[in-house]
Amino acid sequence: MIINELKVIQTFCEIDDFIISCEQFVEGKLIGSKSPHAVHEPGISASEMMCIELLYHLSGFKCFQYYYEGGEKGGFAKLLSQCTQL
């Protein structure tokens, strides 16, 4: 399946806006503060993870590892860098 790069960027931006609004909503409702012994932070944001998963389900691959290693690892990062510059 061929996915248009502009659609990927648009989808990521919409997911990112959704994540930001959810985090702002939940932030005021949390009890306590962050632990000083925080666990390892992921190298990519929640928006990037959600977009990669969404595109995986649209791709038709049966194994996520093959999908991610097959091209999304490098290509997706390049697309996201374009989106964050907007």
PDB file of N, CA and C in Angstrom:
ATOM      1  N   MET A   1       0.839  -1.182   0.000  1.00  0.00           N
ATOM      2  CA  MET A   1       0.000   0.000   0.000  1.00  0.00           C
ATOM      3  C   MET A   1       0.884   1.246   0.000  1.00  0.00           C
ATOM      4  N   ILE A   2       0.622   2.149  -0.913  1.00  0.00           N
ATOM      5  CA  ILE A   2       1.389   3.380  -1.004  1.00  0.00           C
ATOM      6  C   ILE A   2       0.681   4.451  -0.179  1.00  0.00           C
ATOM      7  N   ILE A   3       1.433   5.059   0.737  1.00  0.00           N
ATOM      8  CA  ILE A   3       0.872   6.081   1.602  1.00  0.00           C
ATOM      9  C   ILE A   3       1.533   7.408   1.260  1.00  0.00           C
ATOM     10  N   ASN A   4       0.732   8.412   1.004  1.00  0.00           N
ATOM     11  CA  ASN A   4       1.206   9.738   0.660  1.00  0.00           C
ATOM     12  C   ASN A   4       1.940  10.365   1.854  1.00  0.00           C
ATOM     13  N   GLU A   5       3.107  10.950   1.610  1.00  0.00           N
ATOM     14  CA  GLU A   5       3.895  11.548   2.686  1.00  0.00           C
ATOM     15  C   GLU A   5       3.149  12.678   3.383  1.00  0.00           C
ATOM     16  N   LEU A   6       2.419  13.475   2.615  1.00  0.00           N
ATOM     17  CA  LEU A   6       1.662  14.580   3.215  1.00  0.00           C
ATOM     18  C   LEU A   6       0.571  14.056   4.144  1.00  0.00           C
ATOM     19  N   LYS A   7      -0.045  12.926   3.775  1.00  0.00           N
ATOM     20  CA  LYS A   7      -1.064  12.323   4.640  1.00  0.00           C
ATOM     21  C   LYS A   7      -0.431  11.817   5.933  1.00  0.00           C
ATOM     22  N   VAL A   8       0.775  11.280   5.848  1.00  0.00           N
ATOM     23  CA  VAL A   8       1.476  10.811   7.044  1.00  0.00           C
ATOM     24  C   VAL A   8       1.761  11.985   7.966  1.00  0.00           C
ATOM     25  N   ILE A   9       2.238  13.082   7.397  1.00  0.00           N
ATOM     26  CA  ILE A   9       2.539  14.267   8.203  1.00  0.00           C
ATOM     27  C   ILE A   9       1.263  14.821   8.818  1.00  0.00           C
ATOM     28  N   GLN A  10       0.195  14.889   8.032  1.00  0.00           N
ATOM     29  CA  GLN A  10      -1.083  15.386   8.541  1.00  0.00           C
ATOM     30  C   GLN A  10      -1.598  14.494   9.670  1.00  0.00           C
ATOM     31  N   THR A  11      -1.507  13.181   9.483  1.00  0.00           N
ATOM     32  CA  THR A  11      -1.948  12.236  10.504  1.00  0.00           C
ATOM     33  C   THR A  11      -1.138  12.398  11.780  1.00  0.00           C
ATOM     34  N   PHE A  12       0.187  12.522  11.635  1.00  0.00           N
ATOM     35  CA  PHE A  12       1.029  12.704  12.813  1.00  0.00           C
ATOM     36  C   PHE A  12       0.663  13.980  13.557  1.00  0.00           C
ATOM     37  N   CYS A  13       0.469  15.071  12.826  1.00  0.00           N
ATOM     38  CA  CYS A  13       0.136  16.344  13.472  1.00  0.00           C
ATOM     39  C   CYS A  13      -1.194  16.260  14.209  1.00  0.00           C
ATOM     40  N   GLU A  14      -2.180  15.563  13.627  1.00  0.00           N
ATOM     41  CA  GLU A  14      -3.465  15.394  14.297  1.00  0.00           C
ATOM     42  C   GLU A  14      -3.329  14.537  15.552  1.00  0.00           C
ATOM     43  N   ILE A  15      -2.540  13.475  15.465  1.00  0.00           N
ATOM     44  CA  ILE A  15      -2.307  12.618  16.631  1.00  0.00           C
ATOM     45  C   ILE A  15      -1.562  13.409  17.707  1.00  0.00           C
ATOM     46  N   ASP A  16      -0.572  14.202  17.297  1.00  0.00           N
ATOM     47  CA  ASP A  16       0.196  15.002  18.247  1.00  0.00           C
ATOM     48  C   ASP A  16      -0.692  16.015  18.961  1.00  0.00           C
ATOM     49  N   ASP A  17      -1.581  16.682  18.220  1.00  0.00           N
ATOM     50  CA  ASP A  17      -2.518  17.617  18.842  1.00  0.00           C
ATOM     51  C   ASP A  17      -3.414  16.908  19.847  1.00  0.00           C
ATOM     52  N   PHE A  18      -3.861  15.695  19.490  1.00  0.00           N
ATOM     53  CA  PHE A  18      -4.709  14.908  20.384  1.00  0.00           C
ATOM     54  C   PHE A  18      -3.964  14.544  21.666  1.00  0.00           C
ATOM     55  N   ILE A  19      -2.722  14.089  21.534  1.00  0.00           N
ATOM     56  CA  ILE A  19      -1.909  13.707  22.689  1.00  0.00           C
ATOM     57  C   ILE A  19      -1.679  14.914  23.601  1.00  0.00           C
ATOM     58  N   ILE A  20      -1.364  16.050  23.007  1.00  0.00           N
ATOM     59  CA  ILE A  20      -1.115  17.259  23.801  1.00  0.00           C
ATOM     60  C   ILE A  20      -2.365  17.658  24.581  1.00  0.00           C
ATOM     61  N   SER A  21      -3.531  17.625  23.929  1.00  0.00           N
ATOM     62  CA  SER A  21      -4.764  17.997  24.630  1.00  0.00           C
ATOM     63  C   SER A  21      -5.098  16.994  25.731  1.00  0.00           C
ATOM     64  N   CYS A  22      -4.858  15.705  25.488  1.00  0.00           N
ATOM     65  CA  CYS A  22      -5.100  14.684  26.527  1.00  0.00           C
ATOM     66  C   CYS A  22      -4.168  14.876  27.718  1.00  0.00           C
ATOM     67  N   GLU A  23      -2.890  15.158  27.440  1.00  0.00           N
ATOM     68  CA  GLU A  23      -1.930  15.367  28.526  1.00  0.00           C
ATOM     69  C   GLU A  23      -2.293  16.589  29.352  1.00  0.00           C
ATOM     70  N   GLN A  24      -2.760  17.662  28.700  1.00  0.00           N
ATOM     71  CA  GLN A  24      -3.164  18.860  29.429  1.00  0.00           C
ATOM     72  C   GLN A  24      -4.393  18.584  30.286  1.00  0.00           C
ATOM     73  N   PHE A  25      -5.325  17.788  29.780  1.00  0.00           N
ATOM     74  CA  PHE A  25      -6.526  17.452  30.525  1.00  0.00           C
ATOM     75  C   PHE A  25      -6.198  16.607  31.753  1.00  0.00           C
ATOM     76  N   VAL A  26      -5.341  15.608  31.570  1.00  0.00           N
ATOM     77  CA  VAL A  26      -5.005  14.670  32.641  1.00  0.00           C
ATOM     78  C   VAL A  26      -4.066  15.309  33.664  1.00  0.00           C
ATOM     79  N   GLU A  27      -3.230  16.234  33.227  1.00  0.00           N
ATOM     80  CA  GLU A  27      -2.219  16.838  34.106  1.00  0.00           C
ATOM     81  C   GLU A  27      -2.827  17.424  35.379  1.00  0.00           C
ATOM     82  N   GLY A  28      -3.933  18.089  35.273  1.00  0.00           N
ATOM     83  CA  GLY A  28      -4.549  18.699  36.441  1.00  0.00           C
ATOM     84  C   GLY A  28      -5.269  17.711  37.338  1.00  0.00           C
ATOM     85  N   LYS A  29      -5.469  16.502  36.878  1.00  0.00           N
ATOM     86  CA  LYS A  29      -6.221  15.515  37.631  1.00  0.00           C
ATOM     87  C   LYS A  29      -5.348  14.459  38.315  1.00  0.00           C
ATOM     88  N   LEU A  30      -4.033  14.519  38.072  1.00  0.00           N
ATOM     89  CA  LEU A  30      -3.130  13.538  38.672  1.00  0.00           C
ATOM     90  C   LEU A  30      -2.870  13.863  40.140  1.00  0.00           C
ATOM     91  N   ILE A  31      -2.702  12.836  40.934  1.00  0.00           N
ATOM     92  CA  ILE A  31      -2.397  12.999  42.351  1.00  0.00           C
ATOM     93  C   ILE A  31      -0.896  12.838  42.532  1.00  0.00           C
ATOM     94  N   GLY A  32      -0.281  13.740  43.272  1.00  0.00           N
ATOM     95  CA  GLY A  32       1.151  13.632  43.544  1.00  0.00           C
ATOM     96  C   GLY A  32       1.981  14.199  42.422  1.00  0.00           C
ATOM     97  N   SER A  33       3.286  13.956  42.512  1.00  0.00           N
ATOM     98  CA  SER A  33       4.211  14.453  41.498  1.00  0.00           C
ATOM     99  C   SER A  33       4.982  13.288  40.906  1.00  0.00           C
ATOM    100  N   LYS A  34       5.782  13.599  39.930  1.00  0.00           N
ATOM    101  CA  LYS A  34       6.598  12.568  39.306  1.00  0.00           C
ATOM    102  C   LYS A  34       7.639  12.049  40.291  1.00  0.00           C
ATOM    103  N   SER A  35       7.911  10.791  40.209  1.00  0.00           N
ATOM    104  CA  SER A  35       8.900  10.169  41.081  1.00  0.00           C
ATOM    105  C   SER A  35      10.303  10.639  40.711  1.00  0.00           C
ATOM    106  N   PRO A  36      11.158  10.881  41.705  1.00  0.00           N
ATOM    107  CA  PRO A  36      12.536  11.255  41.372  1.00  0.00           C
ATOM    108  C   PRO A  36      13.306  10.087  40.763  1.00  0.00           C
ATOM    109  N   HIS A  37      12.761   8.895  40.934  1.00  0.00           N
ATOM    110  CA  HIS A  37      13.388   7.691  40.373  1.00  0.00           C
ATOM    111  C   HIS A  37      12.626   7.278  39.119  1.00  0.00           C
ATOM    112  N   ALA A  38      12.558   8.183  38.173  1.00  0.00           N
ATOM    113  CA  ALA A  38      11.793   7.927  36.951  1.00  0.00           C
ATOM    114  C   ALA A  38      12.401   6.767  36.169  1.00  0.00           C
ATOM    115  N   VAL A  39      11.539   6.065  35.508  1.00  0.00           N
ATOM    116  CA  VAL A  39      11.966   4.945  34.676  1.00  0.00           C
ATOM    117  C   VAL A  39      12.532   5.502  33.374  1.00  0.00           C
ATOM    118  N   HIS A  40      13.170   4.653  32.618  1.00  0.00           N
ATOM    119  CA  HIS A  40      13.784   5.060  31.354  1.00  0.00           C
ATOM    120  C   HIS A  40      12.736   5.712  30.441  1.00  0.00           C
ATOM    121  N   GLU A  41      13.050   6.888  29.945  1.00  0.00           N
ATOM    122  CA  GLU A  41      12.176   7.592  29.008  1.00  0.00           C
ATOM    123  C   GLU A  41      12.418   7.035  27.604  1.00  0.00           C
ATOM    124  N   PRO A  42      11.350   6.815  26.823  1.00  0.00           N
ATOM    125  CA  PRO A  42      11.536   6.304  25.458  1.00  0.00           C
ATOM    126  C   PRO A  42      12.209   7.341  24.564  1.00  0.00           C
ATOM    127  N   GLY A  43      12.846   6.862  23.519  1.00  0.00           N
ATOM    128  CA  GLY A  43      13.546   7.752  22.597  1.00  0.00           C
ATOM    129  C   GLY A  43      12.623   8.508  21.662  1.00  0.00           C
ATOM    130  N   ILE A  44      11.362   8.055  21.543  1.00  0.00           N
ATOM    131  CA  ILE A  44      10.406   8.744  20.682  1.00  0.00           C
ATOM    132  C   ILE A  44       9.177   9.108  21.495  1.00  0.00           C
ATOM    133  N   SER A  45       8.434  10.064  21.010  1.00  0.00           N
ATOM    134  CA  SER A  45       7.264  10.546  21.742  1.00  0.00           C
ATOM    135  C   SER A  45       6.073   9.596  21.572  1.00  0.00           C
ATOM    136  N   ALA A  46       5.063   9.802  22.395  1.00  0.00           N
ATOM    137  CA  ALA A  46       3.843   8.988  22.303  1.00  0.00           C
ATOM    138  C   ALA A  46       3.164   9.205  20.952  1.00  0.00           C
ATOM    139  N   SER A  47       3.237  10.411  20.428  1.00  0.00           N
ATOM    140  CA  SER A  47       2.637  10.710  19.122  1.00  0.00           C
ATOM    141  C   SER A  47       3.311   9.908  18.017  1.00  0.00           C
ATOM    142  N   GLU A  48       4.634   9.837  18.074  1.00  0.00           N
ATOM    143  CA  GLU A  48       5.374   9.057  17.079  1.00  0.00           C
ATOM    144  C   GLU A  48       5.018   7.578  17.182  1.00  0.00           C
ATOM    145  N   MET A  49       4.932   7.067  18.413  1.00  0.00           N
ATOM    146  CA  MET A  49       4.572   5.652  18.596  1.00  0.00           C
ATOM    147  C   MET A  49       3.193   5.353  18.029  1.00  0.00           C
ATOM    148  N   MET A  50       2.229   6.220  18.334  1.00  0.00           N
ATOM    149  CA  MET A  50       0.866   5.994  17.856  1.00  0.00           C
ATOM    150  C   MET A  50       0.788   6.060  16.337  1.00  0.00           C
ATOM    151  N   CYS A  51       1.511   6.991  15.737  1.00  0.00           N
ATOM    152  CA  CYS A  51       1.490   7.123  14.285  1.00  0.00           C
ATOM    153  C   CYS A  51       2.139   5.909  13.614  1.00  0.00           C
ATOM    154  N   ILE A  52       3.243   5.434  14.165  1.00  0.00           N
ATOM    155  CA  ILE A  52       3.899   4.243  13.622  1.00  0.00           C
ATOM    156  C   ILE A  52       2.961   3.042  13.709  1.00  0.00           C
ATOM    157  N   GLU A  53       2.270   2.880  14.841  1.00  0.00           N
ATOM    158  CA  GLU A  53       1.341   1.764  15.000  1.00  0.00           C
ATOM    159  C   GLU A  53       0.166   1.874  14.033  1.00  0.00           C
ATOM    160  N   LEU A  54      -0.356   3.069  13.856  1.00  0.00           N
ATOM    161  CA  LEU A  54      -1.464   3.272  12.929  1.00  0.00           C
ATOM    162  C   LEU A  54      -1.050   2.913  11.507  1.00  0.00           C
ATOM    163  N   LEU A  55       0.119   3.392  11.087  1.00  0.00           N
ATOM    164  CA  LEU A  55       0.602   3.087   9.743  1.00  0.00           C
ATOM    165  C   LEU A  55       0.907   1.603   9.578  1.00  0.00           C
ATOM    166  N   TYR A  56       1.343   0.954  10.638  1.00  0.00           N
ATOM    167  CA  TYR A  56       1.575  -0.495  10.586  1.00  0.00           C
ATOM    168  C   TYR A  56       0.279  -1.235  10.271  1.00  0.00           C
ATOM    169  N   HIS A  57      -0.803  -0.849  10.932  1.00  0.00           N
ATOM    170  CA  HIS A  57      -2.076  -1.529  10.703  1.00  0.00           C
ATOM    171  C   HIS A  57      -2.603  -1.271   9.291  1.00  0.00           C
ATOM    172  N   LEU A  58      -2.254  -0.143   8.712  1.00  0.00           N
ATOM    173  CA  LEU A  58      -2.680   0.160   7.344  1.00  0.00           C
ATOM    174  C   LEU A  58      -1.770  -0.477   6.298  1.00  0.00           C
ATOM    175  N   SER A  59      -0.572  -0.907   6.708  1.00  0.00           N
ATOM    176  CA  SER A  59       0.425  -1.386   5.754  1.00  0.00           C
ATOM    177  C   SER A  59       0.156  -2.789   5.221  1.00  0.00           C
ATOM    178  N   GLY A  60      -0.495  -3.628   5.992  1.00  0.00           N
ATOM    179  CA  GLY A  60      -0.730  -4.994   5.551  1.00  0.00           C
ATOM    180  C   GLY A  60       0.326  -5.984   6.000  1.00  0.00           C
ATOM    181  N   PHE A  61       1.379  -5.517   6.675  1.00  0.00           N
ATOM    182  CA  PHE A  61       2.397  -6.421   7.211  1.00  0.00           C
ATOM    183  C   PHE A  61       1.772  -7.284   8.300  1.00  0.00           C
ATOM    184  N   LYS A  62       2.275  -8.518   8.433  1.00  0.00           N
ATOM    185  CA  LYS A  62       1.778  -9.407   9.483  1.00  0.00           C
ATOM    186  C   LYS A  62       2.651  -9.372  10.722  1.00  0.00           C
ATOM    187  N   CYS A  63       3.865  -8.869  10.593  1.00  0.00           N
ATOM    188  CA  CYS A  63       4.801  -8.826  11.711  1.00  0.00           C
ATOM    189  C   CYS A  63       5.323  -7.394  11.863  1.00  0.00           C
ATOM    190  N   PHE A  64       5.138  -6.821  13.055  1.00  0.00           N
ATOM    191  CA  PHE A  64       5.547  -5.438  13.281  1.00  0.00           C
ATOM    192  C   PHE A  64       7.045  -5.260  13.120  1.00  0.00           C
ATOM    193  N   GLN A  65       7.822  -6.241  13.533  1.00  0.00           N
ATOM    194  CA  GLN A  65       9.278  -6.131  13.437  1.00  0.00           C
ATOM    195  C   GLN A  65       9.714  -5.981  11.980  1.00  0.00           C
ATOM    196  N   TYR A  66       9.126  -6.762  11.076  1.00  0.00           N
ATOM    197  CA  TYR A  66       9.489  -6.658   9.658  1.00  0.00           C
ATOM    198  C   TYR A  66       9.078  -5.302   9.091  1.00  0.00           C
ATOM    199  N   TYR A  67       7.928  -4.815   9.505  1.00  0.00           N
ATOM    200  CA  TYR A  67       7.454  -3.509   9.051  1.00  0.00           C
ATOM    201  C   TYR A  67       8.401  -2.410   9.508  1.00  0.00           C
ATOM    202  N   TYR A  68       8.752  -2.426  10.784  1.00  0.00           N
ATOM    203  CA  TYR A  68       9.580  -1.366  11.359  1.00  0.00           C
ATOM    204  C   TYR A  68      10.992  -1.405  10.797  1.00  0.00           C
ATOM    205  N   GLU A  69      11.568  -2.590  10.686  1.00  0.00           N
ATOM    206  CA  GLU A  69      12.928  -2.717  10.172  1.00  0.00           C
ATOM    207  C   GLU A  69      12.981  -2.536   8.662  1.00  0.00           C
ATOM    208  N   GLY A  70      11.852  -2.762   7.994  1.00  0.00           N
ATOM    209  CA  GLY A  70      11.813  -2.698   6.540  1.00  0.00           C
ATOM    210  C   GLY A  70      11.820  -1.305   5.954  1.00  0.00           C
ATOM    211  N   GLY A  71      11.802  -0.288   6.755  1.00  0.00           N
ATOM    212  CA  GLY A  71      11.863   1.033   6.168  1.00  0.00           C
ATOM    213  C   GLY A  71      11.269   2.124   7.021  1.00  0.00           C
ATOM    214  N   GLU A  72      10.365   1.793   7.895  1.00  0.00           N
ATOM    215  CA  GLU A  72       9.733   2.838   8.683  1.00  0.00           C
ATOM    216  C   GLU A  72      10.698   3.463   9.681  1.00  0.00           C
ATOM    217  N   LYS A  73      11.692   2.697  10.121  1.00  0.00           N
ATOM    218  CA  LYS A  73      12.624   3.227  11.126  1.00  0.00           C
ATOM    219  C   LYS A  73      13.310   4.483  10.617  1.00  0.00           C
ATOM    220  N   GLY A  74      13.828   4.435   9.410  1.00  0.00           N
ATOM    221  CA  GLY A  74      14.528   5.593   8.880  1.00  0.00           C
ATOM    222  C   GLY A  74      13.611   6.597   8.220  1.00  0.00           C
ATOM    223  N   GLY A  75      12.677   6.128   7.435  1.00  0.00           N
ATOM    224  CA  GLY A  75      11.803   7.020   6.693  1.00  0.00           C
ATOM    225  C   GLY A  75      10.861   7.816   7.568  1.00  0.00           C
ATOM    226  N   PHE A  76      10.388   7.197   8.613  1.00  0.00           N
ATOM    227  CA  PHE A  76       9.438   7.873   9.488  1.00  0.00           C
ATOM    228  C   PHE A  76      10.111   9.009  10.244  1.00  0.00           C
ATOM    229  N   ALA A  77      11.326   8.805  10.682  1.00  0.00           N
ATOM    230  CA  ALA A  77      12.043   9.857  11.405  1.00  0.00           C
ATOM    231  C   ALA A  77      12.255  11.073  10.509  1.00  0.00           C
ATOM    232  N   LYS A  78      12.532  10.850   9.222  1.00  0.00           N
ATOM    233  CA  LYS A  78      12.724  11.956   8.297  1.00  0.00           C
ATOM    234  C   LYS A  78      11.422  12.739   8.109  1.00  0.00           C
ATOM    235  N   LEU A  79      10.300  12.012   7.994  1.00  0.00           N
ATOM    236  CA  LEU A  79       9.008  12.678   7.856  1.00  0.00           C
ATOM    237  C   LEU A  79       8.660  13.490   9.097  1.00  0.00           C
ATOM    238  N   LEU A  80       8.937  12.936  10.273  1.00  0.00           N
ATOM    239  CA  LEU A  80       8.619  13.634  11.506  1.00  0.00           C
ATOM    240  C   LEU A  80       9.446  14.888  11.682  1.00  0.00           C
ATOM    241  N   SER A  81      10.686  14.855  11.238  1.00  0.00           N
ATOM    242  CA  SER A  81      11.512  16.045  11.352  1.00  0.00           C
ATOM    243  C   SER A  81      10.947  17.177  10.488  1.00  0.00           C
ATOM    244  N   GLN A  82      10.344  16.816   9.355  1.00  0.00           N
ATOM    245  CA  GLN A  82       9.688  17.821   8.512  1.00  0.00           C
ATOM    246  C   GLN A  82       8.476  18.393   9.228  1.00  0.00           C
ATOM    247  N   CYS A  83       7.731  17.550   9.905  1.00  0.00           N
ATOM    248  CA  CYS A  83       6.509  17.982  10.590  1.00  0.00           C
ATOM    249  C   CYS A  83       6.822  18.904  11.760  1.00  0.00           C
ATOM    250  N   THR A  84       7.871  18.609  12.505  1.00  0.00           N
ATOM    251  CA  THR A  84       8.195  19.418  13.669  1.00  0.00           C
ATOM    252  C   THR A  84       8.741  20.786  13.268  1.00  0.00           C
ATOM    253  N   GLN A  85       9.210  20.921  12.019  1.00  0.00           N
ATOM    254  CA  GLN A  85       9.706  22.201  11.549  1.00  0.00           C
ATOM    255  C   GLN A  85       8.575  23.121  11.119  1.00  0.00           C
ATOM    256  N   LEU A  86       7.371  22.587  10.940  1.00  0.00           N
ATOM    257  CA  LEU A  86       6.234  23.405  10.485  1.00  0.00           C
ATOM    258  C   LEU A  86       5.771  24.370  11.544  1.00  0.00           C
TER     259      LEU A  86
END
